N, C-alpha and C. Protein backbone atom coordinates (compact mmCIF):
# COMPACT_ATOMS: atom_id res chain seq x y z
N MET A 1 0.84 -1.18 0.00
CA MET A 1 0.00 0.00 0.00
C MET A 1 0.88 1.25 0.00
N ARG A 2 0.68 2.09 -0.97
CA ARG A 2 1.44 3.35 -1.07
C ARG A 2 0.81 4.42 -0.20
N PRO A 3 1.64 5.18 0.49
CA PRO A 3 1.09 6.29 1.26
C PRO A 3 0.50 7.35 0.33
N VAL A 4 -0.49 8.05 0.81
CA VAL A 4 -1.12 9.11 0.04
C VAL A 4 -0.14 10.28 -0.06
N SER A 5 -0.04 10.87 -1.23
CA SER A 5 0.83 12.02 -1.45
C SER A 5 0.39 13.18 -0.57
N VAL A 6 1.35 13.91 -0.05
CA VAL A 6 1.04 15.08 0.76
C VAL A 6 0.22 16.09 -0.05
N PHE A 7 0.45 16.13 -1.36
CA PHE A 7 -0.28 17.07 -2.20
C PHE A 7 -1.75 16.71 -2.33
N GLN A 8 -2.08 15.43 -2.13
CA GLN A 8 -3.48 15.01 -2.10
C GLN A 8 -4.05 15.14 -0.70
N ASP A 9 -3.30 14.65 0.27
CA ASP A 9 -3.77 14.60 1.65
C ASP A 9 -3.96 15.99 2.26
N LYS A 10 -3.09 16.91 1.95
CA LYS A 10 -3.11 18.25 2.56
C LYS A 10 -3.41 19.33 1.52
N ARG A 11 -4.14 18.97 0.49
CA ARG A 11 -4.40 19.87 -0.64
C ARG A 11 -4.94 21.24 -0.20
N ASP A 12 -5.98 21.23 0.62
CA ASP A 12 -6.59 22.50 1.03
C ASP A 12 -5.62 23.37 1.83
N GLU A 13 -4.90 22.75 2.75
CA GLU A 13 -3.93 23.49 3.56
C GLU A 13 -2.81 24.07 2.68
N ILE A 14 -2.34 23.27 1.74
CA ILE A 14 -1.27 23.73 0.84
C ILE A 14 -1.76 24.90 -0.01
N GLU A 15 -2.95 24.75 -0.58
CA GLU A 15 -3.48 25.83 -1.42
C GLU A 15 -3.65 27.13 -0.63
N ARG A 16 -4.18 27.02 0.56
CA ARG A 16 -4.39 28.20 1.40
C ARG A 16 -3.06 28.84 1.77
N SER A 17 -2.10 28.02 2.13
CA SER A 17 -0.79 28.53 2.54
C SER A 17 -0.02 29.12 1.36
N GLU A 18 -0.11 28.47 0.20
CA GLU A 18 0.55 29.02 -1.00
C GLU A 18 -0.05 30.37 -1.38
N PHE A 19 -1.37 30.51 -1.23
CA PHE A 19 -2.02 31.77 -1.54
C PHE A 19 -1.55 32.87 -0.59
N GLN A 20 -1.39 32.54 0.68
CA GLN A 20 -1.00 33.52 1.68
C GLN A 20 0.48 33.89 1.60
N HIS A 21 1.34 32.90 1.35
CA HIS A 21 2.78 33.11 1.47
C HIS A 21 3.58 32.94 0.18
N GLY A 22 2.94 32.52 -0.90
CA GLY A 22 3.66 32.17 -2.12
C GLY A 22 3.93 30.67 -2.12
N VAL A 23 4.28 30.14 -3.27
CA VAL A 23 4.43 28.68 -3.41
C VAL A 23 5.49 28.11 -2.48
N GLU A 24 6.70 28.63 -2.54
CA GLU A 24 7.79 28.06 -1.75
C GLU A 24 7.54 28.18 -0.26
N ALA A 25 7.29 29.39 0.20
CA ALA A 25 7.07 29.61 1.63
C ALA A 25 5.80 28.91 2.11
N GLY A 26 4.79 28.84 1.26
CA GLY A 26 3.56 28.17 1.63
C GLY A 26 3.77 26.68 1.87
N ARG A 27 4.51 26.06 0.98
CA ARG A 27 4.79 24.63 1.15
C ARG A 27 5.67 24.40 2.38
N LEU A 28 6.63 25.27 2.59
CA LEU A 28 7.47 25.14 3.78
C LEU A 28 6.65 25.32 5.05
N ALA A 29 5.67 26.22 5.02
CA ALA A 29 4.81 26.43 6.19
C ALA A 29 4.01 25.17 6.51
N VAL A 30 3.50 24.51 5.48
CA VAL A 30 2.76 23.26 5.70
C VAL A 30 3.70 22.18 6.22
N ALA A 31 4.91 22.13 5.66
CA ALA A 31 5.91 21.16 6.15
C ALA A 31 6.22 21.41 7.62
N LEU A 32 6.34 22.67 7.99
CA LEU A 32 6.61 23.03 9.38
C LEU A 32 5.45 22.59 10.28
N ASP A 33 4.23 22.77 9.82
CA ASP A 33 3.06 22.31 10.58
C ASP A 33 3.09 20.79 10.76
N LEU A 34 3.44 20.07 9.70
CA LEU A 34 3.52 18.60 9.78
C LEU A 34 4.60 18.17 10.75
N LEU A 35 5.74 18.83 10.70
CA LEU A 35 6.83 18.51 11.63
C LEU A 35 6.41 18.79 13.07
N THR A 36 5.71 19.90 13.28
CA THR A 36 5.25 20.24 14.62
C THR A 36 4.26 19.21 15.13
N ASP A 37 3.32 18.79 14.27
CA ASP A 37 2.36 17.75 14.67
C ASP A 37 3.08 16.45 15.02
N SER A 38 4.08 16.10 14.22
CA SER A 38 4.85 14.88 14.49
C SER A 38 5.62 15.00 15.80
N LEU A 39 6.17 16.16 16.04
CA LEU A 39 6.91 16.41 17.28
C LEU A 39 6.00 16.23 18.49
N ILE A 40 4.80 16.72 18.40
CA ILE A 40 3.83 16.58 19.49
C ILE A 40 3.49 15.11 19.72
N MET A 41 3.25 14.38 18.64
CA MET A 41 2.88 12.97 18.78
C MET A 41 4.02 12.15 19.37
N VAL A 42 5.24 12.39 18.92
CA VAL A 42 6.39 11.66 19.46
C VAL A 42 6.60 12.04 20.92
N GLY A 43 6.42 13.33 21.22
CA GLY A 43 6.55 13.78 22.61
C GLY A 43 5.54 13.12 23.53
N GLN A 44 4.31 12.97 23.05
CA GLN A 44 3.29 12.29 23.85
C GLN A 44 3.64 10.82 24.05
N HIS A 45 4.17 10.21 23.01
CA HIS A 45 4.58 8.81 23.12
C HIS A 45 5.72 8.67 24.12
N GLY A 46 6.59 9.67 24.15
CA GLY A 46 7.73 9.65 25.07
C GLY A 46 7.33 9.65 26.53
N VAL A 47 6.13 10.13 26.82
CA VAL A 47 5.63 10.10 28.20
C VAL A 47 5.45 8.66 28.67
N TYR A 48 5.04 7.80 27.76
CA TYR A 48 4.76 6.40 28.11
C TYR A 48 5.94 5.49 27.88
N CYS A 49 6.88 5.91 27.04
CA CYS A 49 8.02 5.08 26.69
C CYS A 49 9.28 5.73 27.27
N GLN A 50 9.51 5.50 28.55
CA GLN A 50 10.60 6.14 29.27
C GLN A 50 11.91 5.36 29.13
N SER A 51 13.00 6.08 29.26
CA SER A 51 14.32 5.48 29.22
C SER A 51 14.59 4.77 30.54
N ALA A 52 15.13 3.56 30.46
CA ALA A 52 15.48 2.83 31.67
C ALA A 52 16.72 3.43 32.32
N ARG A 53 17.61 3.98 31.51
CA ARG A 53 18.86 4.55 32.02
C ARG A 53 18.71 6.00 32.48
N GLN A 54 17.74 6.70 31.93
CA GLN A 54 17.53 8.10 32.26
C GLN A 54 16.07 8.32 32.65
N PRO A 55 15.71 8.00 33.87
CA PRO A 55 14.31 8.17 34.29
C PRO A 55 13.83 9.61 34.06
N GLY A 56 12.60 9.71 33.59
CA GLY A 56 12.03 11.02 33.31
C GLY A 56 12.29 11.51 31.90
N LYS A 57 13.09 10.78 31.13
CA LYS A 57 13.37 11.14 29.75
C LYS A 57 12.81 10.06 28.83
N PRO A 58 12.46 10.45 27.59
CA PRO A 58 11.98 9.44 26.64
C PRO A 58 13.08 8.43 26.31
N ALA A 59 12.67 7.28 25.80
CA ALA A 59 13.64 6.27 25.35
C ALA A 59 14.60 6.89 24.34
N MET A 60 15.79 6.33 24.25
CA MET A 60 16.84 6.90 23.41
C MET A 60 16.41 7.05 21.95
N ASP A 61 15.69 6.07 21.40
CA ASP A 61 15.28 6.20 20.00
C ASP A 61 14.32 7.38 19.83
N LEU A 62 13.46 7.61 20.81
CA LEU A 62 12.56 8.76 20.74
C LEU A 62 13.32 10.07 20.89
N GLN A 63 14.36 10.09 21.71
CA GLN A 63 15.18 11.29 21.85
C GLN A 63 15.84 11.64 20.51
N ILE A 64 16.29 10.63 19.79
CA ILE A 64 16.93 10.84 18.49
C ILE A 64 15.91 11.36 17.48
N ILE A 65 14.71 10.78 17.49
CA ILE A 65 13.64 11.24 16.59
C ILE A 65 13.25 12.69 16.91
N LEU A 66 13.09 12.99 18.19
CA LEU A 66 12.76 14.36 18.60
C LEU A 66 13.82 15.35 18.14
N GLN A 67 15.08 14.98 18.30
CA GLN A 67 16.17 15.85 17.87
C GLN A 67 16.13 16.07 16.36
N GLY A 68 15.89 15.01 15.61
CA GLY A 68 15.82 15.13 14.15
C GLY A 68 14.68 16.03 13.70
N ILE A 69 13.54 15.91 14.35
CA ILE A 69 12.40 16.76 14.00
C ILE A 69 12.69 18.21 14.36
N GLU A 70 13.24 18.44 15.54
CA GLU A 70 13.58 19.81 15.95
C GLU A 70 14.59 20.44 14.98
N GLN A 71 15.60 19.68 14.58
CA GLN A 71 16.60 20.19 13.65
C GLN A 71 15.99 20.46 12.27
N SER A 72 15.08 19.59 11.85
CA SER A 72 14.40 19.80 10.57
C SER A 72 13.57 21.08 10.60
N LYS A 73 12.88 21.30 11.72
CA LYS A 73 12.10 22.53 11.87
C LYS A 73 13.01 23.75 11.79
N GLU A 74 14.16 23.67 12.42
CA GLU A 74 15.11 24.78 12.40
C GLU A 74 15.56 25.09 10.97
N LEU A 75 15.84 24.05 10.19
CA LEU A 75 16.24 24.24 8.80
C LEU A 75 15.11 24.86 7.98
N VAL A 76 13.90 24.36 8.14
CA VAL A 76 12.75 24.89 7.40
C VAL A 76 12.54 26.36 7.75
N MET A 77 12.61 26.68 9.03
CA MET A 77 12.42 28.08 9.45
C MET A 77 13.51 28.98 8.88
N SER A 78 14.74 28.47 8.78
CA SER A 78 15.83 29.29 8.22
C SER A 78 15.60 29.54 6.73
N VAL A 79 15.08 28.56 6.01
CA VAL A 79 14.78 28.75 4.59
C VAL A 79 13.64 29.75 4.42
N MET A 80 12.62 29.65 5.27
CA MET A 80 11.50 30.60 5.20
C MET A 80 12.00 32.03 5.45
N GLU A 81 12.87 32.19 6.42
CA GLU A 81 13.43 33.51 6.70
C GLU A 81 14.26 34.02 5.53
N GLU A 82 15.03 33.15 4.91
CA GLU A 82 15.83 33.54 3.75
C GLU A 82 14.92 33.95 2.59
N LEU A 83 13.82 33.24 2.39
CA LEU A 83 12.86 33.63 1.35
C LEU A 83 12.28 35.01 1.64
N ARG A 84 11.94 35.28 2.90
CA ARG A 84 11.41 36.60 3.28
C ARG A 84 12.44 37.70 2.97
N ARG A 85 13.68 37.42 3.33
CA ARG A 85 14.75 38.40 3.10
C ARG A 85 14.92 38.66 1.59
N THR A 86 14.89 37.61 0.81
CA THR A 86 15.06 37.73 -0.63
C THR A 86 13.91 38.52 -1.25
N ARG A 87 12.70 38.27 -0.79
CA ARG A 87 11.54 38.99 -1.33
C ARG A 87 11.58 40.46 -0.98
N ARG A 88 12.09 40.81 0.20
CA ARG A 88 12.17 42.21 0.60
C ARG A 88 13.15 42.98 -0.27
N GLN A 89 14.20 42.30 -0.72
CA GLN A 89 15.24 42.95 -1.51
C GLN A 89 14.79 43.20 -2.95
N VAL A 90 13.83 42.45 -3.41
CA VAL A 90 13.40 42.57 -4.83
C VAL A 90 12.50 43.75 -5.01
């Protein structure tokens, strides 16, 4: 079973965001929303899946996933800021 394309699954959100921010920034905004939603879900899972070595912290695999999502969000936000800067200069 193939996963549904983001362009089909999030069509309305993408169209709305592209209209508000332009194509590139709009798609990045939707990607940022998806990353944030994923971060929340992994964080909630981390409450139940605790590390045996570090009580009070999520399991190590969840810590790695959380870090990857946070870093991805940081990259997306930096690209969005660069697009804003570029548009202001034009």
